[in-house]
Amino acid sequence: MTLSFLLTSLAVVLTPGTGVLLTLSTGLAHGRRAGLLTALGSTLGTIPHLAAALTGLAALLHRSPTAFAVLQYAGAAYLVYLGITTLRTARAKLSVDAAAAPPRGARLLVSPILLNLLNPKLTLFCFAFLPAFVPAGTDDPFAAMLPLALAFMALSFLALAGYAFAAAGVRRHVLSRPALLTGVNRVFGGSFVALGAALALA
């Protein structure tokens, strides 16, 4: 597991997207526990995508060095695309009703799971992302990608949990400053572009 993988994964999980916005809005509206359950649900929702990447690509990478190179450049291109998309994203809007009663725990888990399951971009990302960090010529790509997938899931939950704690702790300040998410989008969008370029040139 390389530093490049950890830095790229960290940029991915910290970048404001649907999971982050849902965790933030839940934490702001209903507090820490609700935000943490949403973070857990978002993380669990990545399992089918990661499993598909592990099982479907392992055989392909084992048989074709050309496929490995194509996927590596595809991963780099997708990171750059994601960065540009993030930079062009309009001001994020959080749907928050602070007076509403917290949803039940099961609903807080199921909602983000479905959100990720129905997100085709997440599938594309997993297929492009994991193989890019498997050394060429690896005898067992599945064994090489499994710890990467587990590490990505762990980082995802920790990042989302951090957003949940932050949202619950600074509810009043964040609700009065919607421009905050715009600035974060710009920072991480630029990080995606830089990391994608570095991966393409590696």
C-alpha atoms as a PDB file:
ATOM      1  CA  MET A   1       0.000   0.000   0.000  1.00  0.00           C
ATOM      2  CA  THR A   2       1.665   3.188  -1.209  1.00  0.00           C
ATOM      3  CA  LEU A   3       1.577   6.761   0.046  1.00  0.00           C
ATOM      4  CA  SER A   4       0.108   7.758  -3.310  1.00  0.00           C
ATOM      5  CA  PHE A   5      -2.832   5.402  -2.748  1.00  0.00           C
ATOM      6  CA  LEU A   6      -3.454   6.717   0.755  1.00  0.00           C
ATOM      7  CA  LEU A   7      -3.275  10.359  -0.341  1.00  0.00           C
ATOM      8  CA  THR A   8      -5.564   9.757  -3.319  1.00  0.00           C
ATOM      9  CA  SER A   9      -8.036   7.807  -1.189  1.00  0.00           C
ATOM     10  CA  LEU A  10      -8.001  10.543   1.428  1.00  0.00           C
ATOM     11  CA  ALA A  11      -8.735  13.170  -1.211  1.00  0.00           C
ATOM     12  CA  VAL A  12     -11.558  11.009  -2.571  1.00  0.00           C
ATOM     13  CA  VAL A  13     -13.279  10.391   0.767  1.00  0.00           C
ATOM     14  CA  LEU A  14     -12.902  13.980   1.960  1.00  0.00           C
ATOM     15  CA  THR A  15     -14.226  15.582  -1.219  1.00  0.00           C
ATOM     16  CA  PRO A  16     -17.798  16.826  -0.757  1.00  0.00           C
ATOM     17  CA  GLY A  17     -20.088  14.509  -2.702  1.00  0.00           C
ATOM     18  CA  THR A  18     -23.489  12.923  -2.182  1.00  0.00           C
ATOM     19  CA  GLY A  19     -22.357  10.882   0.841  1.00  0.00           C
ATOM     20  CA  VAL A  20     -20.651  13.831   2.473  1.00  0.00           C
ATOM     21  CA  LEU A  21     -23.570  16.161   1.859  1.00  0.00           C
ATOM     22  CA  LEU A  22     -26.033  13.611   3.222  1.00  0.00           C
ATOM     23  CA  THR A  23     -23.887  13.049   6.328  1.00  0.00           C
ATOM     24  CA  LEU A  24     -23.496  16.783   6.864  1.00  0.00           C
ATOM     25  CA  SER A  25     -27.187  17.514   6.453  1.00  0.00           C
ATOM     26  CA  THR A  26     -28.156  14.681   8.806  1.00  0.00           C
ATOM     27  CA  GLY A  27     -25.596  15.715  11.405  1.00  0.00           C
ATOM     28  CA  LEU A  28     -26.687  19.330  11.193  1.00  0.00           C
ATOM     29  CA  ALA A  29     -30.368  18.497  11.430  1.00  0.00           C
ATOM     30  CA  HIS A  30     -30.371  15.644  13.934  1.00  0.00           C
ATOM     31  CA  GLY A  31     -27.029  15.535  15.731  1.00  0.00           C
ATOM     32  CA  ARG A  32     -24.012  13.285  16.132  1.00  0.00           C
ATOM     33  CA  ARG A  33     -25.656   9.853  16.401  1.00  0.00           C
ATOM     34  CA  ALA A  34     -27.763  10.362  13.281  1.00  0.00           C
ATOM     35  CA  GLY A  35     -24.720  11.627  11.397  1.00  0.00           C
ATOM     36  CA  LEU A  36     -22.638   8.596  12.405  1.00  0.00           C
ATOM     37  CA  LEU A  37     -25.351   6.164  11.310  1.00  0.00           C
ATOM     38  CA  THR A  38     -25.511   7.936   7.960  1.00  0.00           C
ATOM     39  CA  ALA A  39     -21.727   7.714   7.666  1.00  0.00           C
ATOM     40  CA  LEU A  40     -21.876   3.973   8.355  1.00  0.00           C
ATOM     41  CA  GLY A  41     -24.625   3.482   5.785  1.00  0.00           C
ATOM     42  CA  SER A  42     -22.657   5.392   3.152  1.00  0.00           C
ATOM     43  CA  THR A  43     -19.623   3.208   3.806  1.00  0.00           C
ATOM     44  CA  LEU A  44     -21.626  -0.034   3.621  1.00  0.00           C
ATOM     45  CA  GLY A  45     -23.058   1.137   0.314  1.00  0.00           C
ATOM     46  CA  THR A  46     -19.611   0.962  -1.277  1.00  0.00           C
ATOM     47  CA  ILE A  47     -19.233  -2.795  -0.617  1.00  0.00           C
ATOM     48  CA  PRO A  48     -21.035  -4.040  -3.790  1.00  0.00           C
ATOM     49  CA  HIS A  49     -19.013  -1.682  -5.977  1.00  0.00           C
ATOM     50  CA  LEU A  50     -15.724  -2.707  -4.386  1.00  0.00           C
ATOM     51  CA  ALA A  51     -16.675  -6.390  -4.601  1.00  0.00           C
ATOM     52  CA  ALA A  52     -17.438  -6.018  -8.298  1.00  0.00           C
ATOM     53  CA  ALA A  53     -14.078  -4.366  -8.878  1.00  0.00           C
ATOM     54  CA  LEU A  54     -12.248  -7.100  -6.966  1.00  0.00           C
ATOM     55  CA  THR A  55     -13.900 -10.067  -8.633  1.00  0.00           C
ATOM     56  CA  GLY A  56     -14.306  -8.698 -12.134  1.00  0.00           C
ATOM     57  CA  LEU A  57     -10.931  -7.087 -12.627  1.00  0.00           C
ATOM     58  CA  ALA A  58      -8.645  -9.594 -10.908  1.00  0.00           C
ATOM     59  CA  ALA A  59      -8.760 -12.086 -13.776  1.00  0.00           C
ATOM     60  CA  LEU A  60      -8.500  -9.330 -16.389  1.00  0.00           C
ATOM     61  CA  LEU A  61      -5.427  -7.772 -14.824  1.00  0.00           C
ATOM     62  CA  HIS A  62      -3.789 -11.160 -14.384  1.00  0.00           C
ATOM     63  CA  ARG A  63      -4.106 -11.991 -18.083  1.00  0.00           C
ATOM     64  CA  SER A  64      -3.495  -8.671 -19.812  1.00  0.00           C
ATOM     65  CA  PRO A  65      -0.742  -6.109 -19.093  1.00  0.00           C
ATOM     66  CA  THR A  66      -2.351  -3.951 -21.779  1.00  0.00           C
ATOM     67  CA  ALA A  67      -5.628  -3.941 -19.865  1.00  0.00           C
ATOM     68  CA  PHE A  68      -3.709  -2.919 -16.763  1.00  0.00           C
ATOM     69  CA  ALA A  69      -2.205   0.082 -18.570  1.00  0.00           C
ATOM     70  CA  VAL A  70      -5.574   1.086 -20.022  1.00  0.00           C
ATOM     71  CA  LEU A  71      -7.228   0.948 -16.611  1.00  0.00           C
ATOM     72  CA  GLN A  72      -4.381   2.892 -15.021  1.00  0.00           C
ATOM     73  CA  TYR A  73      -4.820   5.735 -17.495  1.00  0.00           C
ATOM     74  CA  ALA A  74      -8.601   5.473 -17.179  1.00  0.00           C
ATOM     75  CA  GLY A  75      -8.248   5.914 -13.441  1.00  0.00           C
ATOM     76  CA  ALA A  76      -6.054   8.953 -13.914  1.00  0.00           C
ATOM     77  CA  ALA A  77      -8.480  10.433 -16.441  1.00  0.00           C
ATOM     78  CA  TYR A  78     -11.415   9.842 -14.120  1.00  0.00           C
ATOM     79  CA  LEU A  79      -9.649  11.576 -11.251  1.00  0.00           C
ATOM     80  CA  VAL A  80      -9.004  14.598 -13.470  1.00  0.00           C
ATOM     81  CA  TYR A  81     -12.628  14.536 -14.655  1.00  0.00           C
ATOM     82  CA  LEU A  82     -13.858  14.316 -11.077  1.00  0.00           C
ATOM     83  CA  GLY A  83     -11.633  17.235 -10.127  1.00  0.00           C
ATOM     84  CA  ILE A  84     -12.884  19.407 -12.968  1.00  0.00           C
ATOM     85  CA  THR A  85     -16.485  18.471 -12.153  1.00  0.00           C
ATOM     86  CA  THR A  86     -15.939  19.375  -8.513  1.00  0.00           C
ATOM     87  CA  LEU A  87     -14.393  22.719  -9.461  1.00  0.00           C
ATOM     88  CA  ARG A  88     -17.396  23.500 -11.649  1.00  0.00           C
ATOM     89  CA  THR A  89     -19.955  22.461  -9.076  1.00  0.00           C
ATOM     90  CA  ALA A  90     -22.265  25.237  -8.037  1.00  0.00           C
ATOM     91  CA  ARG A  91     -22.666  26.170  -4.402  1.00  0.00           C
ATOM     92  CA  ALA A  92     -23.766  23.077  -2.489  1.00  0.00           C
ATOM     93  CA  LYS A  93     -27.096  23.315  -0.731  1.00  0.00           C
ATOM     94  CA  LEU A  94     -27.919  21.391   2.421  1.00  0.00           C
ATOM     95  CA  SER A  95     -31.492  20.368   3.095  1.00  0.00           C
ATOM     96  CA  VAL A  96     -31.866  20.841   6.832  1.00  0.00           C
ATOM     97  CA  ASP A  97     -34.924  20.974   9.019  1.00  0.00           C
ATOM     98  CA  ALA A  98     -33.631  21.395  12.552  1.00  0.00           C
ATOM     99  CA  ALA A  99     -37.111  21.131  14.037  1.00  0.00           C
ATOM    100  CA  ALA A 100     -37.851  17.701  12.571  1.00  0.00           C
ATOM    101  CA  ALA A 101     -37.633  14.581  14.730  1.00  0.00           C
ATOM    102  CA  PRO A 102     -34.650  12.308  13.995  1.00  0.00           C
ATOM    103  CA  PRO A 103     -35.493   9.409  11.637  1.00  0.00           C
ATOM    104  CA  ARG A 104     -35.235   5.870  12.968  1.00  0.00           C
ATOM    105  CA  GLY A 105     -31.836   4.179  12.961  1.00  0.00           C
ATOM    106  CA  ALA A 106     -32.777   1.719  10.213  1.00  0.00           C
ATOM    107  CA  ARG A 107     -33.817   4.530   7.897  1.00  0.00           C
ATOM    108  CA  LEU A 108     -30.590   6.408   8.588  1.00  0.00           C
ATOM    109  CA  LEU A 109     -28.640   3.315   7.497  1.00  0.00           C
ATOM    110  CA  VAL A 110     -30.758   2.321   4.503  1.00  0.00           C
ATOM    111  CA  SER A 111     -30.981   5.748   2.874  1.00  0.00           C
ATOM    112  CA  PRO A 112     -27.232   6.248   2.258  1.00  0.00           C
ATOM    113  CA  ILE A 113     -26.816   2.568   1.282  1.00  0.00           C
ATOM    114  CA  LEU A 114     -29.414   2.985  -1.450  1.00  0.00           C
ATOM    115  CA  LEU A 115     -27.874   6.299  -2.445  1.00  0.00           C
ATOM    116  CA  ASN A 116     -24.526   4.618  -3.125  1.00  0.00           C
ATOM    117  CA  LEU A 117     -26.017   1.473  -4.669  1.00  0.00           C
ATOM    118  CA  LEU A 118     -27.873   3.597  -7.217  1.00  0.00           C
ATOM    119  CA  ASN A 119     -24.853   5.741  -8.042  1.00  0.00           C
ATOM    120  CA  PRO A 120     -23.303   4.479 -11.320  1.00  0.00           C
ATOM    121  CA  LYS A 121     -20.369   6.871 -10.939  1.00  0.00           C
ATOM    122  CA  LEU A 122     -19.258   4.980  -7.830  1.00  0.00           C
ATOM    123  CA  THR A 123     -19.097   1.724  -9.789  1.00  0.00           C
ATOM    124  CA  LEU A 124     -17.031   3.393 -12.498  1.00  0.00           C
ATOM    125  CA  PHE A 125     -14.756   4.909  -9.900  1.00  0.00           C
ATOM    126  CA  CYS A 126     -14.086   1.586  -8.136  1.00  0.00           C
ATOM    127  CA  PHE A 127     -13.327  -0.140 -11.428  1.00  0.00           C
ATOM    128  CA  ALA A 128     -10.915   2.611 -12.454  1.00  0.00           C
ATOM    129  CA  PHE A 129      -9.394   3.375  -9.070  1.00  0.00           C
ATOM    130  CA  LEU A 130      -8.239   0.130  -7.436  1.00  0.00           C
ATOM    131  CA  PRO A 131      -6.373  -1.416 -10.402  1.00  0.00           C
ATOM    132  CA  ALA A 132      -4.361   1.760 -10.881  1.00  0.00           C
ATOM    133  CA  PHE A 133      -2.526   1.031  -7.617  1.00  0.00           C
ATOM    134  CA  VAL A 134      -1.771  -2.652  -8.266  1.00  0.00           C
ATOM    135  CA  PRO A 135       1.860  -3.176  -9.398  1.00  0.00           C
ATOM    136  CA  ALA A 136       2.185  -4.423 -12.960  1.00  0.00           C
ATOM    137  CA  GLY A 137       2.868  -8.132 -13.171  1.00  0.00           C
ATOM    138  CA  THR A 138       1.225  -8.948  -9.840  1.00  0.00           C
ATOM    139  CA  ASP A 139       0.574 -12.700  -9.654  1.00  0.00           C
ATOM    140  CA  ASP A 140      -2.613 -12.381  -7.593  1.00  0.00           C
ATOM    141  CA  PRO A 141      -4.428  -9.090  -8.339  1.00  0.00           C
ATOM    142  CA  PHE A 142      -7.331 -10.064  -6.058  1.00  0.00           C
ATOM    143  CA  ALA A 143      -5.018 -10.438  -3.054  1.00  0.00           C
ATOM    144  CA  ALA A 144      -3.350  -7.143  -3.958  1.00  0.00           C
ATOM    145  CA  MET A 145      -6.620  -5.209  -4.279  1.00  0.00           C
ATOM    146  CA  LEU A 146      -8.376  -6.625  -1.206  1.00  0.00           C
ATOM    147  CA  PRO A 147      -6.345  -4.668   1.401  1.00  0.00           C
ATOM    148  CA  LEU A 148      -6.701  -1.566  -0.782  1.00  0.00           C
ATOM    149  CA  ALA A 149     -10.485  -1.961  -0.778  1.00  0.00           C
ATOM    150  CA  LEU A 150     -10.588  -2.492   2.983  1.00  0.00           C
ATOM    151  CA  ALA A 151      -8.345   0.518   3.578  1.00  0.00           C
ATOM    152  CA  PHE A 152     -10.549   2.636   1.311  1.00  0.00           C
ATOM    153  CA  MET A 153     -13.650   1.600   3.260  1.00  0.00           C
ATOM    154  CA  ALA A 154     -11.963   2.387   6.583  1.00  0.00           C
ATOM    155  CA  LEU A 155     -10.867   5.813   5.352  1.00  0.00           C
ATOM    156  CA  SER A 156     -14.366   6.441   3.999  1.00  0.00           C
ATOM    157  CA  PHE A 157     -16.008   5.767   7.334  1.00  0.00           C
ATOM    158  CA  LEU A 158     -13.446   7.784   9.306  1.00  0.00           C
ATOM    159  CA  ALA A 159     -13.814  10.747   6.958  1.00  0.00           C
ATOM    160  CA  LEU A 160     -17.606  10.661   7.018  1.00  0.00           C
ATOM    161  CA  ALA A 161     -17.594  10.205  10.795  1.00  0.00           C
ATOM    162  CA  GLY A 162     -15.400  13.288  11.012  1.00  0.00           C
ATOM    163  CA  TYR A 163     -17.914  15.239   8.943  1.00  0.00           C
ATOM    164  CA  ALA A 164     -20.708  13.974  11.207  1.00  0.00           C
ATOM    165  CA  PHE A 165     -18.900  15.110  14.365  1.00  0.00           C
ATOM    166  CA  ALA A 166     -18.020  18.456  12.798  1.00  0.00           C
ATOM    167  CA  ALA A 167     -21.582  19.065  11.601  1.00  0.00           C
ATOM    168  CA  ALA A 168     -23.043  18.243  14.993  1.00  0.00           C
ATOM    169  CA  GLY A 169     -20.483  20.418  16.754  1.00  0.00           C
ATOM    170  CA  VAL A 170     -20.758  23.539  14.627  1.00  0.00           C
ATOM    171  CA  ARG A 171     -24.402  23.449  13.572  1.00  0.00           C
ATOM    172  CA  ARG A 172     -25.085  27.145  14.068  1.00  0.00           C
ATOM    173  CA  HIS A 173     -21.944  28.350  12.298  1.00  0.00           C
ATOM    174  CA  VAL A 174     -22.257  26.079   9.245  1.00  0.00           C
ATOM    175  CA  LEU A 175     -25.939  26.817   8.727  1.00  0.00           C
ATOM    176  CA  SER A 176     -25.142  30.521   8.547  1.00  0.00           C
ATOM    177  CA  ARG A 177     -22.218  30.079   6.079  1.00  0.00           C
ATOM    178  CA  PRO A 178     -23.227  28.075   2.980  1.00  0.00           C
ATOM    179  CA  ALA A 179     -20.171  29.414   1.112  1.00  0.00           C
ATOM    180  CA  LEU A 180     -17.996  27.129   3.248  1.00  0.00           C
ATOM    181  CA  LEU A 181     -18.750  24.061   1.101  1.00  0.00           C
ATOM    182  CA  THR A 182     -17.967  26.015  -2.049  1.00  0.00           C
ATOM    183  CA  GLY A 183     -14.444  26.675  -0.805  1.00  0.00           C
ATOM    184  CA  VAL A 184     -13.954  23.036   0.145  1.00  0.00           C
ATOM    185  CA  ASN A 185     -15.126  21.947  -3.312  1.00  0.00           C
ATOM    186  CA  ARG A 186     -12.484  24.136  -4.916  1.00  0.00           C
ATOM    187  CA  VAL A 187      -9.659  22.862  -2.714  1.00  0.00           C
ATOM    188  CA  PHE A 188     -10.401  19.192  -3.271  1.00  0.00           C
ATOM    189  CA  GLY A 189     -11.253  19.660  -6.931  1.00  0.00           C
ATOM    190  CA  GLY A 190      -7.751  21.006  -7.484  1.00  0.00           C
ATOM    191  CA  SER A 191      -6.341  18.079  -5.485  1.00  0.00           C
ATOM    192  CA  PHE A 192      -8.123  15.579  -7.736  1.00  0.00           C
ATOM    193  CA  VAL A 193      -6.674  17.141 -10.879  1.00  0.00           C
ATOM    194  CA  ALA A 194      -3.152  17.135  -9.419  1.00  0.00           C
ATOM    195  CA  LEU A 195      -3.371  13.541  -8.193  1.00  0.00           C
ATOM    196  CA  GLY A 196      -4.800  12.358 -11.511  1.00  0.00           C
ATOM    197  CA  ALA A 197      -1.941  13.990 -13.402  1.00  0.00           C
ATOM    198  CA  ALA A 198       0.602  12.426 -11.032  1.00  0.00           C
ATOM    199  CA  LEU A 199      -0.962   8.984 -11.488  1.00  0.00           C
ATOM    200  CA  ALA A 200      -0.867   9.297 -15.294  1.00  0.00           C
ATOM    201  CA  LEU A 201       2.827  10.233 -15.196  1.00  0.00           C
ATOM    202  CA  ALA A 202       3.811   7.513 -12.678  1.00  0.00           C
END
